[in-house]
Amino acid sequence: MTAGHVSMKYGFQGPNDVAVTACGTGANSIGDAARMIQFGDANVMVAGGTEASMDALSIAGLCSGPIRFGNATITRILIFVQRLLAIYIEGFM
């Protein structure tokens, strides 16, 4: 989501690659960008990483309907994630 938002905001065109490799996402993205330049897929690349893309569009997509994962609805999963996040944050406060 973040790569798309940045591209639209600044009018960037060309290859748009999103890597999801936890803590190594930024480094992975820089390596991918270097390879695209090296192989001639692009002249210039913008590369980096982000922790999370929590914007209105992402949240709306999660809350839009009865998405199911096994027996769990997205609401139950979001409540579970919220509790885990609260525990994580509380440990660092």
PDB file of N, CA and C in Angstrom:
ATOM      1  N   MET A   1       0.809  -1.193   0.000  1.00  0.00           N
ATOM      2  CA  MET A   1       0.000   0.000   0.000  1.00  0.00           C
ATOM      3  C   MET A   1       0.865   1.274   0.000  1.00  0.00           C
ATOM      4  N   THR A   2       1.903   1.278   0.802  1.00  0.00           N
ATOM      5  CA  THR A   2       2.717   2.483   0.912  1.00  0.00           C
ATOM      6  C   THR A   2       3.373   2.832  -0.420  1.00  0.00           C
ATOM      7  N   ALA A   3       3.902   1.834  -1.112  1.00  0.00           N
ATOM      8  CA  ALA A   3       4.547   2.091  -2.401  1.00  0.00           C
ATOM      9  C   ALA A   3       3.561   2.702  -3.388  1.00  0.00           C
ATOM     10  N   GLY A   4       2.345   2.206  -3.391  1.00  0.00           N
ATOM     11  CA  GLY A   4       1.314   2.755  -4.269  1.00  0.00           C
ATOM     12  C   GLY A   4       0.957   4.188  -3.913  1.00  0.00           C
ATOM     13  N   HIS A   5       0.827   4.471  -2.604  1.00  0.00           N
ATOM     14  CA  HIS A   5       0.504   5.830  -2.159  1.00  0.00           C
ATOM     15  C   HIS A   5       1.603   6.815  -2.558  1.00  0.00           C
ATOM     16  N   VAL A   6       2.861   6.443  -2.346  1.00  0.00           N
ATOM     17  CA  VAL A   6       3.980   7.322  -2.696  1.00  0.00           C
ATOM     18  C   VAL A   6       4.017   7.551  -4.210  1.00  0.00           C
ATOM     19  N   SER A   7       3.815   6.491  -4.978  1.00  0.00           N
ATOM     20  CA  SER A   7       3.824   6.613  -6.441  1.00  0.00           C
ATOM     21  C   SER A   7       2.742   7.551  -6.929  1.00  0.00           C
ATOM     22  N   MET A   8       1.542   7.406  -6.381  1.00  0.00           N
ATOM     23  CA  MET A   8       0.436   8.268  -6.810  1.00  0.00           C
ATOM     24  C   MET A   8       0.660   9.722  -6.380  1.00  0.00           C
ATOM     25  N   LYS A   9       1.151   9.930  -5.164  1.00  0.00           N
ATOM     26  CA  LYS A   9       1.347  11.297  -4.662  1.00  0.00           C
ATOM     27  C   LYS A   9       2.355  12.068  -5.496  1.00  0.00           C
ATOM     28  N   TYR A  10       3.458  11.424  -5.878  1.00  0.00           N
ATOM     29  CA  TYR A  10       4.526  12.117  -6.589  1.00  0.00           C
ATOM     30  C   TYR A  10       4.541  11.853  -8.094  1.00  0.00           C
ATOM     31  N   GLY A  11       3.596  11.069  -8.592  1.00  0.00           N
ATOM     32  CA  GLY A  11       3.498  10.819 -10.024  1.00  0.00           C
ATOM     33  C   GLY A  11       4.575   9.908 -10.580  1.00  0.00           C
ATOM     34  N   PHE A  12       5.143   9.052  -9.744  1.00  0.00           N
ATOM     35  CA  PHE A  12       6.166   8.117 -10.214  1.00  0.00           C
ATOM     36  C   PHE A  12       5.536   7.056 -11.111  1.00  0.00           C
ATOM     37  N   GLN A  13       6.262   6.662 -12.142  1.00  0.00           N
ATOM     38  CA  GLN A  13       5.799   5.617 -13.057  1.00  0.00           C
ATOM     39  C   GLN A  13       6.903   4.610 -13.258  1.00  0.00           C
ATOM     40  N   GLY A  14       6.543   3.398 -13.619  1.00  0.00           N
ATOM     41  CA  GLY A  14       7.527   2.356 -13.864  1.00  0.00           C
ATOM     42  C   GLY A  14       7.337   1.191 -12.912  1.00  0.00           C
ATOM     43  N   PRO A  15       8.380   0.393 -12.728  1.00  0.00           N
ATOM     44  CA  PRO A  15       8.261  -0.791 -11.876  1.00  0.00           C
ATOM     45  C   PRO A  15       7.886  -0.406 -10.441  1.00  0.00           C
ATOM     46  N   ASN A  16       6.972  -1.166  -9.871  1.00  0.00           N
ATOM     47  CA  ASN A  16       6.568  -0.959  -8.483  1.00  0.00           C
ATOM     48  C   ASN A  16       6.608  -2.326  -7.813  1.00  0.00           C
ATOM     49  N   ASP A  17       7.588  -2.525  -6.964  1.00  0.00           N
ATOM     50  CA  ASP A  17       7.799  -3.825  -6.324  1.00  0.00           C
ATOM     51  C   ASP A  17       7.661  -3.655  -4.818  1.00  0.00           C
ATOM     52  N   VAL A  18       6.937  -4.551  -4.188  1.00  0.00           N
ATOM     53  CA  VAL A  18       6.761  -4.490  -2.738  1.00  0.00           C
ATOM     54  C   VAL A  18       7.286  -5.779  -2.124  1.00  0.00           C
ATOM     55  N   ALA A  19       8.272  -5.654  -1.259  1.00  0.00           N
ATOM     56  CA  ALA A  19       8.842  -6.804  -0.557  1.00  0.00           C
ATOM     57  C   ALA A  19       8.274  -6.853   0.854  1.00  0.00           C
ATOM     58  N   VAL A  20       7.947  -8.039   1.325  1.00  0.00           N
ATOM     59  CA  VAL A  20       7.456  -8.203   2.690  1.00  0.00           C
ATOM     60  C   VAL A  20       8.357  -9.227   3.363  1.00  0.00           C
ATOM     61  N   THR A  21       9.413  -8.734   4.016  1.00  0.00           N
ATOM     62  CA  THR A  21      10.376  -9.626   4.660  1.00  0.00           C
ATOM     63  C   THR A  21      10.678  -9.172   6.077  1.00  0.00           C
ATOM     64  N   ALA A  22       9.617  -8.791   6.808  1.00  0.00           N
ATOM     65  CA  ALA A  22       9.713  -8.386   8.210  1.00  0.00           C
ATOM     66  C   ALA A  22      10.754  -7.290   8.391  1.00  0.00           C
ATOM     67  N   CYS A  23      11.718  -7.486   9.259  1.00  0.00           N
ATOM     68  CA  CYS A  23      12.704  -6.449   9.584  1.00  0.00           C
ATOM     69  C   CYS A  23      13.646  -6.145   8.414  1.00  0.00           C
ATOM     70  N   GLY A  24      13.755  -7.045   7.478  1.00  0.00           N
ATOM     71  CA  GLY A  24      14.686  -6.853   6.370  1.00  0.00           C
ATOM     72  C   GLY A  24      14.068  -6.215   5.144  1.00  0.00           C
ATOM     73  N   THR A  25      12.852  -5.707   5.249  1.00  0.00           N
ATOM     74  CA  THR A  25      12.157  -5.173   4.082  1.00  0.00           C
ATOM     75  C   THR A  25      12.910  -4.023   3.421  1.00  0.00           C
ATOM     76  N   GLY A  26      13.433  -3.091   4.209  1.00  0.00           N
ATOM     77  CA  GLY A  26      14.155  -1.949   3.639  1.00  0.00           C
ATOM     78  C   GLY A  26      15.378  -2.382   2.860  1.00  0.00           C
ATOM     79  N   ALA A  27      16.167  -3.270   3.465  1.00  0.00           N
ATOM     80  CA  ALA A  27      17.375  -3.767   2.794  1.00  0.00           C
ATOM     81  C   ALA A  27      17.005  -4.577   1.552  1.00  0.00           C
ATOM     82  N   ASN A  28      15.974  -5.379   1.650  1.00  0.00           N
ATOM     83  CA  ASN A  28      15.515  -6.183   0.518  1.00  0.00           C
ATOM     84  C   ASN A  28      15.063  -5.272  -0.624  1.00  0.00           C
ATOM     85  N   SER A  29      14.348  -4.206  -0.293  1.00  0.00           N
ATOM     86  CA  SER A  29      13.867  -3.263  -1.313  1.00  0.00           C
ATOM     87  C   SER A  29      15.014  -2.547  -2.014  1.00  0.00           C
ATOM     88  N   ILE A  30      16.035  -2.173  -1.258  1.00  0.00           N
ATOM     89  CA  ILE A  30      17.202  -1.509  -1.855  1.00  0.00           C
ATOM     90  C   ILE A  30      17.922  -2.458  -2.806  1.00  0.00           C
ATOM     91  N   GLY A  31      18.053  -3.725  -2.407  1.00  0.00           N
ATOM     92  CA  GLY A  31      18.674  -4.733  -3.276  1.00  0.00           C
ATOM     93  C   GLY A  31      17.875  -4.950  -4.545  1.00  0.00           C
ATOM     94  N   ASP A  32      16.531  -5.027  -4.418  1.00  0.00           N
ATOM     95  CA  ASP A  32      15.670  -5.193  -5.595  1.00  0.00           C
ATOM     96  C   ASP A  32      15.800  -3.998  -6.539  1.00  0.00           C
ATOM     97  N   ALA A  33      15.833  -2.787  -5.965  1.00  0.00           N
ATOM     98  CA  ALA A  33      15.964  -1.577  -6.785  1.00  0.00           C
ATOM     99  C   ALA A  33      17.294  -1.564  -7.524  1.00  0.00           C
ATOM    100  N   ALA A  34      18.367  -1.945  -6.831  1.00  0.00           N
ATOM    101  CA  ALA A  34      19.695  -1.990  -7.470  1.00  0.00           C
ATOM    102  C   ALA A  34      19.707  -2.978  -8.624  1.00  0.00           C
ATOM    103  N   ARG A  35      19.066  -4.136  -8.429  1.00  0.00           N
ATOM    104  CA  ARG A  35      19.013  -5.131  -9.512  1.00  0.00           C
ATOM    105  C   ARG A  35      18.205  -4.621 -10.706  1.00  0.00           C
ATOM    106  N   MET A  36      17.106  -3.910 -10.436  1.00  0.00           N
ATOM    107  CA  MET A  36      16.299  -3.380 -11.547  1.00  0.00           C
ATOM    108  C   MET A  36      17.089  -2.370 -12.364  1.00  0.00           C
ATOM    109  N   ILE A  37      17.884  -1.539 -11.686  1.00  0.00           N
ATOM    110  CA  ILE A  37      18.740  -0.577 -12.395  1.00  0.00           C
ATOM    111  C   ILE A  37      19.846  -1.318 -13.145  1.00  0.00           C
ATOM    112  N   GLN A  38      20.461  -2.300 -12.482  1.00  0.00           N
ATOM    113  CA  GLN A  38      21.561  -3.066 -13.084  1.00  0.00           C
ATOM    114  C   GLN A  38      21.122  -3.783 -14.358  1.00  0.00           C
ATOM    115  N   PHE A  39      19.907  -4.357 -14.351  1.00  0.00           N
ATOM    116  CA  PHE A  39      19.427  -5.116 -15.509  1.00  0.00           C
ATOM    117  C   PHE A  39      18.688  -4.247 -16.523  1.00  0.00           C
ATOM    118  N   GLY A  40      18.655  -2.919 -16.288  1.00  0.00           N
ATOM    119  CA  GLY A  40      18.048  -2.020 -17.259  1.00  0.00           C
ATOM    120  C   GLY A  40      16.537  -1.929 -17.198  1.00  0.00           C
ATOM    121  N   ASP A  41      15.923  -2.434 -16.127  1.00  0.00           N
ATOM    122  CA  ASP A  41      14.467  -2.339 -15.995  1.00  0.00           C
ATOM    123  C   ASP A  41      14.032  -0.928 -15.616  1.00  0.00           C
ATOM    124  N   ALA A  42      14.941  -0.152 -15.044  1.00  0.00           N
ATOM    125  CA  ALA A  42      14.633   1.222 -14.639  1.00  0.00           C
ATOM    126  C   ALA A  42      15.917   2.041 -14.633  1.00  0.00           C
ATOM    127  N   ASN A  43      15.779   3.355 -14.814  1.00  0.00           N
ATOM    128  CA  ASN A  43      16.925   4.257 -14.730  1.00  0.00           C
ATOM    129  C   ASN A  43      17.119   4.761 -13.306  1.00  0.00           C
ATOM    130  N   VAL A  44      16.018   4.994 -12.603  1.00  0.00           N
ATOM    131  CA  VAL A  44      16.033   5.523 -11.243  1.00  0.00           C
ATOM    132  C   VAL A  44      14.982   4.762 -10.446  1.00  0.00           C
ATOM    133  N   MET A  45      15.292   4.462  -9.190  1.00  0.00           N
ATOM    134  CA  MET A  45      14.319   3.779  -8.315  1.00  0.00           C
ATOM    135  C   MET A  45      14.259   4.504  -6.979  1.00  0.00           C
ATOM    136  N   VAL A  46      13.095   4.480  -6.349  1.00  0.00           N
ATOM    137  CA  VAL A  46      12.920   4.953  -4.979  1.00  0.00           C
ATOM    138  C   VAL A  46      12.725   3.695  -4.151  1.00  0.00           C
ATOM    139  N   ALA A  47      13.545   3.516  -3.124  1.00  0.00           N
ATOM    140  CA  ALA A  47      13.480   2.272  -2.346  1.00  0.00           C
ATOM    141  C   ALA A  47      13.531   2.575  -0.856  1.00  0.00           C
ATOM    142  N   GLY A  48      12.922   1.702  -0.079  1.00  0.00           N
ATOM    143  CA  GLY A  48      12.947   1.848   1.375  1.00  0.00           C
ATOM    144  C   GLY A  48      11.987   0.870   2.017  1.00  0.00           C
ATOM    145  N   GLY A  49      11.770   1.052   3.299  1.00  0.00           N
ATOM    146  CA  GLY A  49      10.878   0.162   4.029  1.00  0.00           C
ATOM    147  C   GLY A  49       9.985   0.940   4.972  1.00  0.00           C
ATOM    148  N   THR A  50       8.918   0.316   5.400  1.00  0.00           N
ATOM    149  CA  THR A  50       7.978   0.933   6.334  1.00  0.00           C
ATOM    150  C   THR A  50       7.466  -0.123   7.292  1.00  0.00           C
ATOM    151  N   GLU A  51       7.126   0.269   8.496  1.00  0.00           N
ATOM    152  CA  GLU A  51       6.641  -0.670   9.508  1.00  0.00           C
ATOM    153  C   GLU A  51       5.250  -1.182   9.175  1.00  0.00           C
ATOM    154  N   ALA A  52       4.328  -0.269   8.929  1.00  0.00           N
ATOM    155  CA  ALA A  52       2.947  -0.669   8.648  1.00  0.00           C
ATOM    156  C   ALA A  52       2.276   0.433   7.847  1.00  0.00           C
ATOM    157  N   SER A  53       1.341   0.025   7.038  1.00  0.00           N
ATOM    158  CA  SER A  53       0.567   0.993   6.280  1.00  0.00           C
ATOM    159  C   SER A  53      -0.839   1.012   6.852  1.00  0.00           C
ATOM    160  N   MET A  54      -1.021   1.731   7.920  1.00  0.00           N
ATOM    161  CA  MET A  54      -2.332   1.837   8.548  1.00  0.00           C
ATOM    162  C   MET A  54      -2.970   3.149   8.127  1.00  0.00           C
ATOM    163  N   ASP A  55      -3.726   3.099   7.055  1.00  0.00           N
ATOM    164  CA  ASP A  55      -4.424   4.273   6.591  1.00  0.00           C
ATOM    165  C   ASP A  55      -5.902   3.934   6.446  1.00  0.00           C
ATOM    166  N   ALA A  56      -6.694   4.914   6.116  1.00  0.00           N
ATOM    167  CA  ALA A  56      -8.144   4.716   6.036  1.00  0.00           C
ATOM    168  C   ALA A  56      -8.515   3.616   5.038  1.00  0.00           C
ATOM    169  N   LEU A  57      -7.826   3.562   3.895  1.00  0.00           N
ATOM    170  CA  LEU A  57      -8.144   2.568   2.882  1.00  0.00           C
ATOM    171  C   LEU A  57      -7.856   1.144   3.370  1.00  0.00           C
ATOM    172  N   SER A  58      -6.726   0.955   4.058  1.00  0.00           N
ATOM    173  CA  SER A  58      -6.383  -0.373   4.576  1.00  0.00           C
ATOM    174  C   SER A  58      -7.395  -0.838   5.613  1.00  0.00           C
ATOM    175  N   ILE A  59      -7.740   0.031   6.544  1.00  0.00           N
ATOM    176  CA  ILE A  59      -8.697  -0.319   7.589  1.00  0.00           C
ATOM    177  C   ILE A  59     -10.074  -0.584   6.988  1.00  0.00           C
ATOM    178  N   ALA A  60     -10.489   0.233   6.032  1.00  0.00           N
ATOM    179  CA  ALA A  60     -11.786   0.026   5.382  1.00  0.00           C
ATOM    180  C   ALA A  60     -11.837  -1.328   4.685  1.00  0.00           C
ATOM    181  N   GLY A  61     -10.740  -1.718   4.061  1.00  0.00           N
ATOM    182  CA  GLY A  61     -10.695  -3.024   3.408  1.00  0.00           C
ATOM    183  C   GLY A  61     -10.833  -4.158   4.395  1.00  0.00           C
ATOM    184  N   LEU A  62     -10.202  -4.020   5.560  1.00  0.00           N
ATOM    185  CA  LEU A  62     -10.305  -5.062   6.577  1.00  0.00           C
ATOM    186  C   LEU A  62     -11.698  -5.157   7.176  1.00  0.00           C
ATOM    187  N   CYS A  63     -12.382  -4.030   7.254  1.00  0.00           N
ATOM    188  CA  CYS A  63     -13.684  -3.989   7.926  1.00  0.00           C
ATOM    189  C   CYS A  63     -14.862  -4.047   6.955  1.00  0.00           C
ATOM    190  N   SER A  64     -14.613  -4.245   5.670  1.00  0.00           N
ATOM    191  CA  SER A  64     -15.665  -4.115   4.664  1.00  0.00           C
ATOM    192  C   SER A  64     -16.667  -5.261   4.619  1.00  0.00           C
ATOM    193  N   GLY A  65     -16.300  -6.421   5.074  1.00  0.00           N
ATOM    194  CA  GLY A  65     -17.253  -7.511   4.938  1.00  0.00           C
ATOM    195  C   GLY A  65     -16.883  -8.721   5.754  1.00  0.00           C
ATOM    196  N   PRO A  66     -17.658  -9.765   5.603  1.00  0.00           N
ATOM    197  CA  PRO A  66     -17.453 -10.988   6.403  1.00  0.00           C
ATOM    198  C   PRO A  66     -16.322 -11.861   5.865  1.00  0.00           C
ATOM    199  N   ILE A  67     -15.106 -11.375   5.967  1.00  0.00           N
ATOM    200  CA  ILE A  67     -13.954 -12.156   5.542  1.00  0.00           C
ATOM    201  C   ILE A  67     -13.702 -13.236   6.585  1.00  0.00           C
ATOM    202  N   ARG A  68     -13.468 -14.458   6.165  1.00  0.00           N
ATOM    203  CA  ARG A  68     -13.273 -15.544   7.118  1.00  0.00           C
ATOM    204  C   ARG A  68     -11.927 -16.224   6.909  1.00  0.00           C
ATOM    205  N   PHE A  69     -11.315 -16.573   8.014  1.00  0.00           N
ATOM    206  CA  PHE A  69     -10.092 -17.362   8.018  1.00  0.00           C
ATOM    207  C   PHE A  69     -10.382 -18.574   8.891  1.00  0.00           C
ATOM    208  N   GLY A  70     -10.747 -19.683   8.272  1.00  0.00           N
ATOM    209  CA  GLY A  70     -11.165 -20.842   9.058  1.00  0.00           C
ATOM    210  C   GLY A  70     -12.461 -20.506   9.770  1.00  0.00           C
ATOM    211  N   ASN A  71     -12.499 -20.650  11.080  1.00  0.00           N
ATOM    212  CA  ASN A  71     -13.682 -20.314  11.866  1.00  0.00           C
ATOM    213  C   ASN A  71     -13.675 -18.884  12.374  1.00  0.00           C
ATOM    214  N   ALA A  72     -12.570 -18.171  12.188  1.00  0.00           N
ATOM    215  CA  ALA A  72     -12.439 -16.829  12.745  1.00  0.00           C
ATOM    216  C   ALA A  72     -12.851 -15.770  11.729  1.00  0.00           C
ATOM    217  N   THR A  73     -13.679 -14.849  12.147  1.00  0.00           N
ATOM    218  CA  THR A  73     -14.017 -13.708  11.291  1.00  0.00           C
ATOM    219  C   THR A  73     -12.924 -12.666  11.441  1.00  0.00           C
ATOM    220  N   ILE A  74     -12.913 -11.719  10.536  1.00  0.00           N
ATOM    221  CA  ILE A  74     -11.883 -10.674  10.585  1.00  0.00           C
ATOM    222  C   ILE A  74     -12.008  -9.859  11.870  1.00  0.00           C
ATOM    223  N   THR A  75     -13.233  -9.702  12.379  1.00  0.00           N
ATOM    224  CA  THR A  75     -13.420  -8.949  13.629  1.00  0.00           C
ATOM    225  C   THR A  75     -12.715  -9.641  14.780  1.00  0.00           C
ATOM    226  N   ARG A  76     -12.862 -10.958  14.884  1.00  0.00           N
ATOM    227  CA  ARG A  76     -12.203 -11.693  15.960  1.00  0.00           C
ATOM    228  C   ARG A  76     -10.689 -11.619  15.818  1.00  0.00           C
ATOM    229  N   ILE A  77     -10.195 -11.668  14.591  1.00  0.00           N
ATOM    230  CA  ILE A  77      -8.756 -11.582  14.356  1.00  0.00           C
ATOM    231  C   ILE A  77      -8.248 -10.193  14.745  1.00  0.00           C
ATOM    232  N   LEU A  78      -8.991  -9.133  14.366  1.00  0.00           N
ATOM    233  CA  LEU A  78      -8.578  -7.779  14.719  1.00  0.00           C
ATOM    234  C   LEU A  78      -8.562  -7.573  16.230  1.00  0.00           C
ATOM    235  N   ILE A  79      -9.529  -8.139  16.947  1.00  0.00           N
ATOM    236  CA  ILE A  79      -9.540  -8.035  18.410  1.00  0.00           C
ATOM    237  C   ILE A  79      -8.319  -8.734  18.987  1.00  0.00           C
ATOM    238  N   PHE A  80      -7.988  -9.904  18.445  1.00  0.00           N
ATOM    239  CA  PHE A  80      -6.810 -10.648  18.905  1.00  0.00           C
ATOM    240  C   PHE A  80      -5.532  -9.844  18.664  1.00  0.00           C
ATOM    241  N   VAL A  81      -5.399  -9.266  17.472  1.00  0.00           N
ATOM    242  CA  VAL A  81      -4.219  -8.475  17.138  1.00  0.00           C
ATOM    243  C   VAL A  81      -4.143  -7.230  18.023  1.00  0.00           C
ATOM    244  N   GLN A  82      -5.290  -6.609  18.285  1.00  0.00           N
ATOM    245  CA  GLN A  82      -5.321  -5.438  19.150  1.00  0.00           C
ATOM    246  C   GLN A  82      -4.827  -5.781  20.554  1.00  0.00           C
ATOM    247  N   ARG A  83      -5.229  -6.935  21.074  1.00  0.00           N
ATOM    248  CA  ARG A  83      -4.775  -7.353  22.403  1.00  0.00           C
ATOM    249  C   ARG A  83      -3.273  -7.629  22.408  1.00  0.00           C
ATOM    250  N   LEU A  84      -2.776  -8.279  21.361  1.00  0.00           N
ATOM    251  CA  LEU A  84      -1.338  -8.523  21.286  1.00  0.00           C
ATOM    252  C   LEU A  84      -0.556  -7.220  21.208  1.00  0.00           C
ATOM    253  N   LEU A  85      -1.050  -6.280  20.413  1.00  0.00           N
ATOM    254  CA  LEU A  85      -0.385  -4.995  20.282  1.00  0.00           C
ATOM    255  C   LEU A  85      -0.385  -4.247  21.618  1.00  0.00           C
ATOM    256  N   ALA A  86      -1.494  -4.309  22.345  1.00  0.00           N
ATOM    257  CA  ALA A  86      -1.574  -3.650  23.649  1.00  0.00           C
ATOM    258  C   ALA A  86      -0.545  -4.237  24.617  1.00  0.00           C
ATOM    259  N   ILE A  87      -0.391  -5.552  24.594  1.00  0.00           N
ATOM    260  CA  ILE A  87       0.602  -6.212  25.452  1.00  0.00           C
ATOM    261  C   ILE A  87       2.012  -5.771  25.045  1.00  0.00           C
ATOM    262  N   TYR A  88       2.268  -5.723  23.750  1.00  0.00           N
ATOM    263  CA  TYR A  88       3.579  -5.328  23.234  1.00  0.00           C
ATOM    264  C   TYR A  88       3.914  -3.903  23.650  1.00  0.00           C
ATOM    265  N   ILE A  89       2.970  -2.987  23.435  1.00  0.00           N
ATOM    266  CA  ILE A  89       3.212  -1.579  23.752  1.00  0.00           C
ATOM    267  C   ILE A  89       3.361  -1.389  25.263  1.00  0.00           C
ATOM    268  N   GLU A  90       2.532  -2.066  26.026  1.00  0.00           N
ATOM    269  CA  GLU A  90       2.587  -1.938  27.480  1.00  0.00           C
ATOM    270  C   GLU A  90       3.941  -2.368  28.024  1.00  0.00           C
ATOM    271  N   GLY A  91       4.548  -3.346  27.390  1.00  0.00           N
ATOM    272  CA  GLY A  91       5.858  -3.818  27.834  1.00  0.00           C
ATOM    273  C   GLY A  91       6.953  -2.783  27.636  1.00  0.00           C
ATOM    274  N   PHE A  92       6.741  -1.823  26.725  1.00  0.00           N
ATOM    275  CA  PHE A  92       7.759  -0.809  26.444  1.00  0.00           C
ATOM    276  C   PHE A  92       7.433   0.541  27.051  1.00  0.00           C
ATOM    277  N   MET A  93       6.332   0.675  27.728  1.00  0.00           N
ATOM    278  CA  MET A  93       5.942   1.953  28.343  1.00  0.00           C
ATOM    279  C   MET A  93       6.545   2.114  29.709  1.00  0.00           C
TER     280      MET A  93
END
